[in-house]
Amino acid sequence: MNEMPEAVKRFTTYLRVTKNRSAKTVAEYEHDLLTFFRYMAATDAGIPYDSEEFLNVDLRGIDYAYLDKISQEDILNYLGYAALDRKNEAATRARKLSSLKTFFKYLHLTIHAIDENPAINIDSPVQKKRLPKYLTLQESLDLLAAVRGDTENKYRERDLCIITLFLNCGMRLSELTGISLSDIDPDLRSMRVIGKGNKERIIYLNDACRETIKQYIAVRGRDGEIKDKNALFISREHRRISNQMVQKIVYKYLDAAGLGYKHFSTHKLRHTAATLMYQQGHVDVRVLKDILGHEQLNTTQIYTHVSDEAMEDAMNRNPLSSVKPTGKKEE
């Protein structure tokens, strides 16, 4: 009943084979399109959106003739449903609209299955611009100290290497878990990672990264035969470590460092690396863009925010800062 429409199957094959999109990206498109078609089929059948029947609505009628009749109004109504019924934030609605835009563009321009693209002129929801959350330098040192102090953990070298790479290299979670031994330069000068859209980039390693990698590799696999022999980071099951396991490791040591209240994820460690490199390492924003693997410079510019300390110092440097209400300057 809930099988994906044929058009979506062809579209996801196109994403994998022609556009070389990652399995994670394809799965996100599938999820977004499935939600949209459930909404459309349920609307047509008069099925309540909050019912169990909604999750199992029959999608067999979603063929190319049906897709050709979908209108801009249908998509706008769906976005309204996402906001009001599903309580989706603007960023989530923007992603869902992006999935629909890509899908209908494929139908219209690539395979010519529909006469018009109903999504082409729909504006993306306006999103609030928020500064990235990150650990301070001292909090980062506290986090590393929490891992080093966990002497009872037989995976301490692995966990320290993971968190060191996050804090120094600013890599994404999937990039870290995807690292293989063959990706690392024999002299430990650099490593290759696979970023968004299966794009490769080179990350150069500093002394902290080199030392923790050396220490970890020296004990890697000491508790049993490694099944995924080329994977850098190995789980207790001797396989390539999962994203979920790395998240658990980060949560564990944030708690141990007294930082659990911040509810930080691995992505916030990426923000931390980028912010520390820019603010205290004085790394040029264009260089930072390449380190992080951003497509556009404006994505990187979120890290050019000014720290609270810098703003306070700037206020104190104002020549009028010492003028009292009496009009006299403080001696």
C-alpha atoms as a PDB file:
ATOM      1  CA  MET A   1       0.000   0.000   0.000  1.00  0.00           C
ATOM      2  CA  ASN A   2       2.794   2.393   0.979  1.00  0.00           C
ATOM      3  CA  GLU A   3       5.221   1.468  -1.772  1.00  0.00           C
ATOM      4  CA  MET A   4       7.120   4.360  -3.295  1.00  0.00           C
ATOM      5  CA  PRO A   5       5.665   5.642  -6.587  1.00  0.00           C
ATOM      6  CA  GLU A   6       7.591   4.584  -9.701  1.00  0.00           C
ATOM      7  CA  ALA A   7       8.581   8.187 -10.413  1.00  0.00           C
ATOM      8  CA  VAL A   8      10.296   8.430  -7.023  1.00  0.00           C
ATOM      9  CA  LYS A   9      12.164   5.179  -7.614  1.00  0.00           C
ATOM     10  CA  ARG A  10      13.469   6.486 -10.938  1.00  0.00           C
ATOM     11  CA  PHE A  11      14.349   9.798  -9.325  1.00  0.00           C
ATOM     12  CA  THR A  12      16.361   8.211  -6.502  1.00  0.00           C
ATOM     13  CA  THR A  13      18.176   6.002  -9.009  1.00  0.00           C
ATOM     14  CA  TYR A  14      19.032   9.157 -10.953  1.00  0.00           C
ATOM     15  CA  LEU A  15      20.367  10.766  -7.749  1.00  0.00           C
ATOM     16  CA  ARG A  16      22.549   7.762  -6.924  1.00  0.00           C
ATOM     17  CA  VAL A  17      23.841   6.917 -10.394  1.00  0.00           C
ATOM     18  CA  THR A  18      23.911  10.179 -12.355  1.00  0.00           C
ATOM     19  CA  LYS A  19      24.281  12.791  -9.599  1.00  0.00           C
ATOM     20  CA  ASN A  20      26.420  10.547  -7.363  1.00  0.00           C
ATOM     21  CA  ARG A  21      24.524  11.522  -4.211  1.00  0.00           C
ATOM     22  CA  SER A  22      25.308   9.691  -0.983  1.00  0.00           C
ATOM     23  CA  ALA A  23      22.992   7.043   0.454  1.00  0.00           C
ATOM     24  CA  LYS A  24      22.134   9.423   3.322  1.00  0.00           C
ATOM     25  CA  THR A  25      21.128  12.206   0.922  1.00  0.00           C
ATOM     26  CA  VAL A  26      18.993   9.841  -1.172  1.00  0.00           C
ATOM     27  CA  ALA A  27      17.271   8.564   1.982  1.00  0.00           C
ATOM     28  CA  GLU A  28      16.439  12.143   2.987  1.00  0.00           C
ATOM     29  CA  TYR A  29      14.853  12.805  -0.422  1.00  0.00           C
ATOM     30  CA  GLU A  30      12.845   9.588  -0.150  1.00  0.00           C
ATOM     31  CA  HIS A  31      11.593  10.558   3.319  1.00  0.00           C
ATOM     32  CA  ASP A  32      10.543  14.055   2.214  1.00  0.00           C
ATOM     33  CA  LEU A  33       8.782  12.806  -0.916  1.00  0.00           C
ATOM     34  CA  LEU A  34       7.020  10.004   0.954  1.00  0.00           C
ATOM     35  CA  THR A  35       5.630  12.526   3.455  1.00  0.00           C
ATOM     36  CA  PHE A  36       4.420  14.763   0.629  1.00  0.00           C
ATOM     37  CA  PHE A  37       2.690  11.939  -1.248  1.00  0.00           C
ATOM     38  CA  ARG A  38       1.099  10.618   1.938  1.00  0.00           C
ATOM     39  CA  TYR A  39      -0.314  14.111   2.460  1.00  0.00           C
ATOM     40  CA  MET A  40      -1.601  14.308  -1.124  1.00  0.00           C
ATOM     41  CA  ALA A  41      -3.176  10.827  -1.079  1.00  0.00           C
ATOM     42  CA  ALA A  42      -4.715  11.385   2.368  1.00  0.00           C
ATOM     43  CA  THR A  43      -6.146  14.735   1.262  1.00  0.00           C
ATOM     44  CA  ASP A  44      -7.717  13.131  -1.809  1.00  0.00           C
ATOM     45  CA  ALA A  45      -9.194  10.292   0.269  1.00  0.00           C
ATOM     46  CA  GLY A  46     -10.358  12.470   3.178  1.00  0.00           C
ATOM     47  CA  ILE A  47      -8.102  10.631   5.639  1.00  0.00           C
ATOM     48  CA  PRO A  48      -7.233  12.535   8.847  1.00  0.00           C
ATOM     49  CA  TYR A  49      -3.583  13.509   8.969  1.00  0.00           C
ATOM     50  CA  ASP A  50      -3.201  12.441  12.601  1.00  0.00           C
ATOM     51  CA  SER A  51      -4.606   8.932  12.083  1.00  0.00           C
ATOM     52  CA  GLU A  52      -2.767   5.633  11.794  1.00  0.00           C
ATOM     53  CA  GLU A  53      -4.419   5.216   8.395  1.00  0.00           C
ATOM     54  CA  PHE A  54      -2.395   8.213   7.195  1.00  0.00           C
ATOM     55  CA  LEU A  55       0.849   6.262   7.652  1.00  0.00           C
ATOM     56  CA  ASN A  56      -0.468   3.426   5.479  1.00  0.00           C
ATOM     57  CA  VAL A  57      -2.331   5.435   2.861  1.00  0.00           C
ATOM     58  CA  ASP A  58      -2.447   3.877  -0.608  1.00  0.00           C
ATOM     59  CA  LEU A  59       0.093   5.536  -2.927  1.00  0.00           C
ATOM     60  CA  ARG A  60      -0.555   3.378  -6.001  1.00  0.00           C
ATOM     61  CA  GLY A  61      -2.455   6.201  -7.690  1.00  0.00           C
ATOM     62  CA  ILE A  62       0.612   8.475  -7.727  1.00  0.00           C
ATOM     63  CA  ASP A  63       1.550   7.959 -11.377  1.00  0.00           C
ATOM     64  CA  TYR A  64       2.918  10.390 -13.991  1.00  0.00           C
ATOM     65  CA  ALA A  65      -0.577  11.551 -14.959  1.00  0.00           C
ATOM     66  CA  TYR A  66      -1.271  12.365 -11.303  1.00  0.00           C
ATOM     67  CA  LEU A  67       2.057  14.191 -10.941  1.00  0.00           C
ATOM     68  CA  ASP A  68       1.279  16.332 -14.001  1.00  0.00           C
ATOM     69  CA  LYS A  69      -1.826  17.664 -12.225  1.00  0.00           C
ATOM     70  CA  ILE A  70      -0.095  18.708  -8.989  1.00  0.00           C
ATOM     71  CA  SER A  71      -0.315  22.484  -8.646  1.00  0.00           C
ATOM     72  CA  GLN A  72       1.558  25.224  -6.859  1.00  0.00           C
ATOM     73  CA  GLU A  73      -1.421  25.504  -4.507  1.00  0.00           C
ATOM     74  CA  ASP A  74      -1.053  21.809  -3.566  1.00  0.00           C
ATOM     75  CA  ILE A  75       2.559  22.393  -2.548  1.00  0.00           C
ATOM     76  CA  LEU A  76       1.734  25.573  -0.628  1.00  0.00           C
ATOM     77  CA  ASN A  77      -1.039  23.736   1.229  1.00  0.00           C
ATOM     78  CA  TYR A  78       1.424  20.968   2.053  1.00  0.00           C
ATOM     79  CA  LEU A  79       3.885  23.494   3.475  1.00  0.00           C
ATOM     80  CA  GLY A  80       1.037  24.872   5.583  1.00  0.00           C
ATOM     81  CA  TYR A  81       0.311  21.353   6.843  1.00  0.00           C
ATOM     82  CA  ALA A  82       4.016  20.899   7.655  1.00  0.00           C
ATOM     83  CA  ALA A  83       4.012  24.115   9.682  1.00  0.00           C
ATOM     84  CA  LEU A  84       0.678  23.771  11.481  1.00  0.00           C
ATOM     85  CA  ASP A  85       0.089  20.034  11.835  1.00  0.00           C
ATOM     86  CA  ARG A  86       3.643  18.713  11.957  1.00  0.00           C
ATOM     87  CA  LYS A  87       5.061  21.798  13.739  1.00  0.00           C
ATOM     88  CA  ASN A  88       8.034  21.858  11.356  1.00  0.00           C
ATOM     89  CA  GLU A  89      10.426  24.758  11.846  1.00  0.00           C
ATOM     90  CA  ALA A  90      11.307  26.989   8.898  1.00  0.00           C
ATOM     91  CA  ALA A  91      14.587  25.131   8.293  1.00  0.00           C
ATOM     92  CA  THR A  92      12.764  21.779   8.013  1.00  0.00           C
ATOM     93  CA  ARG A  93      10.124  23.229   5.696  1.00  0.00           C
ATOM     94  CA  ALA A  94      12.868  24.775   3.571  1.00  0.00           C
ATOM     95  CA  ARG A  95      14.540  21.389   3.226  1.00  0.00           C
ATOM     96  CA  LYS A  96      11.258  19.706   2.277  1.00  0.00           C
ATOM     97  CA  LEU A  97      10.556  22.371  -0.320  1.00  0.00           C
ATOM     98  CA  SER A  98      14.068  21.944  -1.692  1.00  0.00           C
ATOM     99  CA  SER A  99      13.400  18.212  -2.109  1.00  0.00           C
ATOM    100  CA  LEU A 100      10.191  18.947  -3.991  1.00  0.00           C
ATOM    101  CA  LYS A 101      11.878  21.556  -6.193  1.00  0.00           C
ATOM    102  CA  THR A 102      14.612  19.104  -7.156  1.00  0.00           C
ATOM    103  CA  PHE A 103      12.094  16.318  -7.804  1.00  0.00           C
ATOM    104  CA  PHE A 104       9.741  18.384  -9.983  1.00  0.00           C
ATOM    105  CA  LYS A 105      12.673  19.938 -11.851  1.00  0.00           C
ATOM    106  CA  TYR A 106      13.811  16.389 -12.662  1.00  0.00           C
ATOM    107  CA  LEU A 107      10.312  15.455 -13.864  1.00  0.00           C
ATOM    108  CA  HIS A 108       9.988  18.601 -15.980  1.00  0.00           C
ATOM    109  CA  LEU A 109      13.443  19.172 -17.461  1.00  0.00           C
ATOM    110  CA  THR A 110      15.253  15.833 -17.243  1.00  0.00           C
ATOM    111  CA  ILE A 111      12.676  13.222 -18.222  1.00  0.00           C
ATOM    112  CA  HIS A 112       9.941  15.573 -19.566  1.00  0.00           C
ATOM    113  CA  ALA A 113       7.222  13.696 -17.666  1.00  0.00           C
ATOM    114  CA  ILE A 114       5.227  16.819 -16.710  1.00  0.00           C
ATOM    115  CA  ASP A 115       4.324  19.930 -18.690  1.00  0.00           C
ATOM    116  CA  GLU A 116       5.087  22.474 -15.941  1.00  0.00           C
ATOM    117  CA  ASN A 117       7.105  22.589 -12.735  1.00  0.00           C
ATOM    118  CA  PRO A 118       4.638  23.531  -9.941  1.00  0.00           C
ATOM    119  CA  ALA A 119       7.418  24.238  -7.414  1.00  0.00           C
ATOM    120  CA  ILE A 120       9.578  26.567  -9.492  1.00  0.00           C
ATOM    121  CA  ASN A 121       8.233  29.912  -8.243  1.00  0.00           C
ATOM    122  CA  ILE A 122       7.669  29.038  -4.581  1.00  0.00           C
ATOM    123  CA  ASP A 123       9.899  30.992  -2.225  1.00  0.00           C
ATOM    124  CA  SER A 124      11.701  29.155   0.547  1.00  0.00           C
ATOM    125  CA  PRO A 125      10.497  29.885   4.124  1.00  0.00           C
ATOM    126  CA  VAL A 126      12.439  32.715   5.752  1.00  0.00           C
ATOM    127  CA  GLN A 127      14.760  31.320   8.403  1.00  0.00           C
ATOM    128  CA  LYS A 128      16.035  33.081  11.493  1.00  0.00           C
ATOM    129  CA  LYS A 129      19.768  33.609  11.368  1.00  0.00           C
ATOM    130  CA  ARG A 130      21.343  32.191  14.513  1.00  0.00           C
ATOM    131  CA  LEU A 131      24.953  32.312  15.576  1.00  0.00           C
ATOM    132  CA  PRO A 132      26.558  28.863  15.787  1.00  0.00           C
ATOM    133  CA  LYS A 133      26.875  27.374  19.265  1.00  0.00           C
ATOM    134  CA  TYR A 134      30.350  26.303  20.243  1.00  0.00           C
ATOM    135  CA  LEU A 135      32.619  25.471  23.164  1.00  0.00           C
ATOM    136  CA  THR A 136      35.048  28.080  24.412  1.00  0.00           C
ATOM    137  CA  LEU A 137      38.768  27.321  24.389  1.00  0.00           C
ATOM    138  CA  GLN A 138      38.678  26.450  28.094  1.00  0.00           C
ATOM    139  CA  GLU A 139      35.630  24.222  27.661  1.00  0.00           C
ATOM    140  CA  SER A 140      37.395  22.454  24.782  1.00  0.00           C
ATOM    141  CA  LEU A 141      40.420  21.855  27.014  1.00  0.00           C
ATOM    142  CA  ASP A 142      38.116  20.551  29.751  1.00  0.00           C
ATOM    143  CA  LEU A 143      36.509  18.145  27.273  1.00  0.00           C
ATOM    144  CA  LEU A 144      39.882  16.762  26.170  1.00  0.00           C
ATOM    145  CA  ALA A 145      40.972  16.472  29.811  1.00  0.00           C
ATOM    146  CA  ALA A 146      37.821  14.462  30.593  1.00  0.00           C
ATOM    147  CA  VAL A 147      38.780  11.884  27.949  1.00  0.00           C
ATOM    148  CA  ARG A 148      42.425  11.712  29.061  1.00  0.00           C
ATOM    149  CA  GLY A 149      41.294  11.238  32.663  1.00  0.00           C
ATOM    150  CA  ASP A 150      39.060   8.257  31.857  1.00  0.00           C
ATOM    151  CA  THR A 151      41.778   5.709  32.649  1.00  0.00           C
ATOM    152  CA  GLU A 152      39.293   2.844  33.130  1.00  0.00           C
ATOM    153  CA  ASN A 153      38.133   3.046  29.508  1.00  0.00           C
ATOM    154  CA  LYS A 154      40.020   0.580  27.303  1.00  0.00           C
ATOM    155  CA  TYR A 155      38.919   2.599  24.252  1.00  0.00           C
ATOM    156  CA  ARG A 156      40.321   5.838  25.652  1.00  0.00           C
ATOM    157  CA  GLU A 157      42.895   6.285  22.860  1.00  0.00           C
ATOM    158  CA  ARG A 158      40.193   5.871  20.219  1.00  0.00           C
ATOM    159  CA  ASP A 159      37.808   8.263  21.954  1.00  0.00           C
ATOM    160  CA  LEU A 160      40.538  10.860  22.492  1.00  0.00           C
ATOM    161  CA  CYS A 161      41.485  10.626  18.812  1.00  0.00           C
ATOM    162  CA  ILE A 162      37.851  11.106  17.758  1.00  0.00           C
ATOM    163  CA  ILE A 163      37.309  14.204  19.865  1.00  0.00           C
ATOM    164  CA  THR A 164      40.727  15.631  18.977  1.00  0.00           C
ATOM    165  CA  LEU A 165      39.928  15.366  15.257  1.00  0.00           C
ATOM    166  CA  PHE A 166      36.541  17.014  15.751  1.00  0.00           C
ATOM    167  CA  LEU A 167      38.000  19.929  17.718  1.00  0.00           C
ATOM    168  CA  ASN A 168      41.013  20.455  15.455  1.00  0.00           C
ATOM    169  CA  CYS A 169      39.757  19.633  11.968  1.00  0.00           C
ATOM    170  CA  GLY A 170      36.115  20.731  12.022  1.00  0.00           C
ATOM    171  CA  MET A 171      34.962  17.651  10.137  1.00  0.00           C
ATOM    172  CA  ARG A 172      31.409  16.380   9.901  1.00  0.00           C
ATOM    173  CA  LEU A 173      30.276  13.243  11.739  1.00  0.00           C
ATOM    174  CA  SER A 174      29.887  11.197   8.540  1.00  0.00           C
ATOM    175  CA  GLU A 175      33.317  12.356   7.381  1.00  0.00           C
ATOM    176  CA  LEU A 176      34.933  11.124  10.592  1.00  0.00           C
ATOM    177  CA  THR A 177      33.271   7.708  10.664  1.00  0.00           C
ATOM    178  CA  GLY A 178      34.068   7.281   6.962  1.00  0.00           C
ATOM    179  CA  ILE A 179      37.848   7.666   7.398  1.00  0.00           C
ATOM    180  CA  SER A 180      39.849   4.612   6.297  1.00  0.00           C
ATOM    181  CA  LEU A 181      43.489   3.844   6.969  1.00  0.00           C
ATOM    182  CA  SER A 182      44.154   4.206   3.238  1.00  0.00           C
ATOM    183  CA  ASP A 183      42.886   7.806   3.435  1.00  0.00           C
ATOM    184  CA  ILE A 184      45.713   8.839   5.763  1.00  0.00           C
ATOM    185  CA  ASP A 185      49.075  10.003   4.453  1.00  0.00           C
ATOM    186  CA  PRO A 186      51.867   7.611   5.650  1.00  0.00           C
ATOM    187  CA  ASP A 187      53.682  10.580   7.218  1.00  0.00           C
ATOM    188  CA  LEU A 188      50.465  11.678   8.981  1.00  0.00           C
ATOM    189  CA  ARG A 189      50.596  15.071   7.285  1.00  0.00           C
ATOM    190  CA  SER A 190      47.078  14.894   5.873  1.00  0.00           C
ATOM    191  CA  MET A 191      44.007  12.743   5.338  1.00  0.00           C
ATOM    192  CA  ARG A 192      41.317  12.494   2.705  1.00  0.00           C
ATOM    193  CA  VAL A 193      37.656  12.798   3.727  1.00  0.00           C
ATOM    194  CA  ILE A 194      34.453  12.420   1.740  1.00  0.00           C
ATOM    195  CA  GLY A 195      32.105  15.339   2.361  1.00  0.00           C
ATOM    196  CA  LYS A 196      28.630  16.305   1.176  1.00  0.00           C
ATOM    197  CA  GLY A 197      27.773  15.157  -2.320  1.00  0.00           C
ATOM    198  CA  ASN A 198      30.615  12.592  -2.210  1.00  0.00           C
ATOM    199  CA  LYS A 199      33.127  15.410  -2.672  1.00  0.00           C
ATOM    200  CA  GLU A 200      36.675  14.681  -1.591  1.00  0.00           C
ATOM    201  CA  ARG A 201      38.889  17.132   0.220  1.00  0.00           C
ATOM    202  CA  ILE A 202      42.228  17.004   2.000  1.00  0.00           C
ATOM    203  CA  ILE A 203      42.480  17.886   5.680  1.00  0.00           C
ATOM    204  CA  TYR A 204      45.954  18.693   6.982  1.00  0.00           C
ATOM    205  CA  LEU A 205      46.873  17.336  10.397  1.00  0.00           C
ATOM    206  CA  ASN A 206      48.503  19.299  13.199  1.00  0.00           C
ATOM    207  CA  ASP A 207      50.706  17.892  15.981  1.00  0.00           C
ATOM    208  CA  ALA A 208      47.772  17.100  18.292  1.00  0.00           C
ATOM    209  CA  CYS A 209      46.026  15.071  15.559  1.00  0.00           C
ATOM    210  CA  ARG A 210      49.220  13.256  14.566  1.00  0.00           C
ATOM    211  CA  GLU A 211      50.014  12.218  18.130  1.00  0.00           C
ATOM    212  CA  THR A 212      46.516  10.983  18.977  1.00  0.00           C
ATOM    213  CA  ILE A 213      46.309   9.035  15.692  1.00  0.00           C
ATOM    214  CA  LYS A 214      49.686   7.403  16.430  1.00  0.00           C
ATOM    215  CA  GLN A 215      48.650   6.465  19.963  1.00  0.00           C
ATOM    216  CA  TYR A 216      45.311   5.083  18.791  1.00  0.00           C
ATOM    217  CA  ILE A 217      46.704   3.045  15.878  1.00  0.00           C
ATOM    218  CA  ALA A 218      49.244   1.490  18.270  1.00  0.00           C
ATOM    219  CA  VAL A 219      46.407  -0.100  20.274  1.00  0.00           C
ATOM    220  CA  ARG A 220      43.750  -0.396  17.545  1.00  0.00           C
ATOM    221  CA  GLY A 221      42.402  -3.935  17.447  1.00  0.00           C
ATOM    222  CA  ARG A 222      44.217  -5.129  20.576  1.00  0.00           C
ATOM    223  CA  ASP A 223      41.037  -6.744  21.944  1.00  0.00           C
ATOM    224  CA  GLY A 224      40.233  -8.891  18.906  1.00  0.00           C
ATOM    225  CA  GLU A 225      40.464  -9.387  15.166  1.00  0.00           C
ATOM    226  CA  ILE A 226      39.247  -6.385  13.169  1.00  0.00           C
ATOM    227  CA  LYS A 227      36.476  -7.234  10.697  1.00  0.00           C
ATOM    228  CA  ASP A 228      36.523  -3.934   8.782  1.00  0.00           C
ATOM    229  CA  LYS A 229      40.291  -3.871   8.414  1.00  0.00           C
ATOM    230  CA  ASN A 230      40.546  -0.580   6.515  1.00  0.00           C
ATOM    231  CA  ALA A 231      38.286   1.439   8.848  1.00  0.00           C
ATOM    232  CA  LEU A 232      40.187   3.843  11.095  1.00  0.00           C
ATOM    233  CA  PHE A 233      37.734   3.894  13.979  1.00  0.00           C
ATOM    234  CA  ILE A 234      36.579   0.484  15.191  1.00  0.00           C
ATOM    235  CA  SER A 235      33.622  -0.374  17.427  1.00  0.00           C
ATOM    236  CA  ARG A 236      33.517  -2.968  20.199  1.00  0.00           C
ATOM    237  CA  GLU A 237      32.181  -5.382  17.579  1.00  0.00           C
ATOM    238  CA  HIS A 238      35.433  -4.808  15.640  1.00  0.00           C
ATOM    239  CA  ARG A 239      33.608  -3.106  12.777  1.00  0.00           C
ATOM    240  CA  ARG A 240      33.662   0.461  11.454  1.00  0.00           C
ATOM    241  CA  ILE A 241      32.215   2.648  14.169  1.00  0.00           C
ATOM    242  CA  SER A 242      28.698   4.018  13.597  1.00  0.00           C
ATOM    243  CA  ASN A 243      27.515   7.621  13.688  1.00  0.00           C
ATOM    244  CA  GLN A 244      25.288   6.785  16.656  1.00  0.00           C
ATOM    245  CA  MET A 245      28.200   5.366  18.647  1.00  0.00           C
ATOM    246  CA  VAL A 246      30.319   8.454  18.054  1.00  0.00           C
ATOM    247  CA  GLN A 247      27.441  10.649  19.221  1.00  0.00           C
ATOM    248  CA  LYS A 248      27.231   8.589  22.427  1.00  0.00           C
ATOM    249  CA  ILE A 249      30.972   9.000  23.001  1.00  0.00           C
ATOM    250  CA  VAL A 250      30.692  12.777  22.628  1.00  0.00           C
ATOM    251  CA  TYR A 251      27.687  12.964  24.979  1.00  0.00           C
ATOM    252  CA  LYS A 252      29.529  10.828  27.547  1.00  0.00           C
ATOM    253  CA  TYR A 253      32.545  13.108  27.738  1.00  0.00           C
ATOM    254  CA  LEU A 254      30.551  16.325  27.590  1.00  0.00           C
ATOM    255  CA  ASP A 255      28.782  15.061  30.717  1.00  0.00           C
ATOM    256  CA  ALA A 256      32.110  14.078  32.307  1.00  0.00           C
ATOM    257  CA  ALA A 257      33.476  17.574  31.621  1.00  0.00           C
ATOM    258  CA  GLY A 258      30.425  19.208  33.204  1.00  0.00           C
ATOM    259  CA  LEU A 259      29.202  20.421  29.809  1.00  0.00           C
ATOM    260  CA  GLY A 260      26.249  18.093  29.336  1.00  0.00           C
ATOM    261  CA  TYR A 261      23.804  20.898  30.099  1.00  0.00           C
ATOM    262  CA  LYS A 262      24.752  22.498  26.772  1.00  0.00           C
ATOM    263  CA  HIS A 263      23.170  19.551  24.891  1.00  0.00           C
ATOM    264  CA  PHE A 264      25.871  19.730  22.237  1.00  0.00           C
ATOM    265  CA  SER A 265      26.133  17.343  19.306  1.00  0.00           C
ATOM    266  CA  THR A 266      29.134  16.393  17.212  1.00  0.00           C
ATOM    267  CA  HIS A 267      28.157  19.180  14.817  1.00  0.00           C
ATOM    268  CA  LYS A 268      28.700  21.708  17.598  1.00  0.00           C
ATOM    269  CA  LEU A 269      32.276  20.426  17.882  1.00  0.00           C
ATOM    270  CA  ARG A 270      32.645  21.252  14.183  1.00  0.00           C
ATOM    271  CA  HIS A 271      31.378  24.760  14.998  1.00  0.00           C
ATOM    272  CA  THR A 272      33.865  24.914  17.864  1.00  0.00           C
ATOM    273  CA  ALA A 273      36.832  24.067  15.639  1.00  0.00           C
ATOM    274  CA  ALA A 274      35.790  26.640  13.040  1.00  0.00           C
ATOM    275  CA  THR A 275      35.167  29.399  15.585  1.00  0.00           C
ATOM    276  CA  LEU A 276      38.441  28.832  17.456  1.00  0.00           C
ATOM    277  CA  MET A 277      40.410  28.776  14.189  1.00  0.00           C
ATOM    278  CA  TYR A 278      38.836  32.053  13.083  1.00  0.00           C
ATOM    279  CA  GLN A 279      38.693  33.966  16.360  1.00  0.00           C
ATOM    280  CA  GLN A 280      41.861  32.836  18.112  1.00  0.00           C
ATOM    281  CA  GLY A 281      43.877  31.279  15.319  1.00  0.00           C
ATOM    282  CA  HIS A 282      43.142  34.239  12.999  1.00  0.00           C
ATOM    283  CA  VAL A 283      42.586  31.882  10.048  1.00  0.00           C
ATOM    284  CA  ASP A 284      41.419  33.717   6.921  1.00  0.00           C
ATOM    285  CA  VAL A 285      37.736  33.023   6.213  1.00  0.00           C
ATOM    286  CA  ARG A 286      38.558  31.886   2.656  1.00  0.00           C
ATOM    287  CA  VAL A 287      40.989  29.293   4.008  1.00  0.00           C
ATOM    288  CA  LEU A 288      38.416  28.261   6.606  1.00  0.00           C
ATOM    289  CA  LYS A 289      35.899  27.705   3.808  1.00  0.00           C
ATOM    290  CA  ASP A 290      38.187  25.112   2.207  1.00  0.00           C
ATOM    291  CA  ILE A 291      39.017  23.454   5.536  1.00  0.00           C
ATOM    292  CA  LEU A 292      35.319  22.959   6.292  1.00  0.00           C
ATOM    293  CA  GLY A 293      34.422  21.897   2.760  1.00  0.00           C
ATOM    294  CA  HIS A 294      31.850  24.631   2.191  1.00  0.00           C
ATOM    295  CA  GLU A 295      30.610  25.302  -1.329  1.00  0.00           C
ATOM    296  CA  GLN A 296      29.893  28.990  -0.748  1.00  0.00           C
ATOM    297  CA  LEU A 297      31.812  31.593   1.238  1.00  0.00           C
ATOM    298  CA  ASN A 298      28.613  32.959   2.775  1.00  0.00           C
ATOM    299  CA  THR A 299      28.128  29.599   4.547  1.00  0.00           C
ATOM    300  CA  THR A 300      31.500  30.033   6.242  1.00  0.00           C
ATOM    301  CA  GLN A 301      30.795  33.620   7.234  1.00  0.00           C
ATOM    302  CA  ILE A 302      28.594  32.521  10.140  1.00  0.00           C
ATOM    303  CA  TYR A 303      31.903  31.989  11.962  1.00  0.00           C
ATOM    304  CA  THR A 304      32.969  35.595  11.580  1.00  0.00           C
ATOM    305  CA  HIS A 305      30.693  36.653  14.431  1.00  0.00           C
ATOM    306  CA  VAL A 306      32.396  38.746  17.098  1.00  0.00           C
ATOM    307  CA  SER A 307      32.928  37.216  20.530  1.00  0.00           C
ATOM    308  CA  ASP A 308      31.303  38.696  23.648  1.00  0.00           C
ATOM    309  CA  GLU A 309      34.755  39.535  25.034  1.00  0.00           C
ATOM    310  CA  ALA A 310      35.709  41.440  21.882  1.00  0.00           C
ATOM    311  CA  MET A 311      32.465  43.444  21.984  1.00  0.00           C
ATOM    312  CA  GLU A 312      32.951  44.279  25.658  1.00  0.00           C
ATOM    313  CA  ASP A 313      36.539  45.360  24.990  1.00  0.00           C
ATOM    314  CA  ALA A 314      35.393  47.535  22.079  1.00  0.00           C
ATOM    315  CA  MET A 315      32.849  49.282  24.301  1.00  0.00           C
ATOM    316  CA  ASN A 316      35.509  49.989  26.929  1.00  0.00           C
ATOM    317  CA  ARG A 317      37.826  51.450  24.282  1.00  0.00           C
ATOM    318  CA  ASN A 318      35.303  54.134  23.349  1.00  0.00           C
ATOM    319  CA  PRO A 319      36.882  57.465  24.437  1.00  0.00           C
ATOM    320  CA  LEU A 320      33.550  58.427  26.010  1.00  0.00           C
ATOM    321  CA  SER A 321      33.424  55.320  28.197  1.00  0.00           C
ATOM    322  CA  SER A 322      34.888  57.089  31.254  1.00  0.00           C
ATOM    323  CA  VAL A 323      32.687  60.176  31.073  1.00  0.00           C
ATOM    324  CA  LYS A 324      30.409  60.189  34.127  1.00  0.00           C
ATOM    325  CA  PRO A 325      26.843  61.570  34.298  1.00  0.00           C
ATOM    326  CA  THR A 326      28.285  64.739  35.846  1.00  0.00           C
ATOM    327  CA  GLY A 327      30.102  65.396  32.576  1.00  0.00           C
ATOM    328  CA  LYS A 328      33.486  64.928  34.175  1.00  0.00           C
ATOM    329  CA  LYS A 329      35.986  62.380  32.975  1.00  0.00           C
ATOM    330  CA  GLU A 330      37.100  59.812  35.540  1.00  0.00           C
ATOM    331  CA  GLU A 331      40.654  60.455  36.756  1.00  0.00           C
END
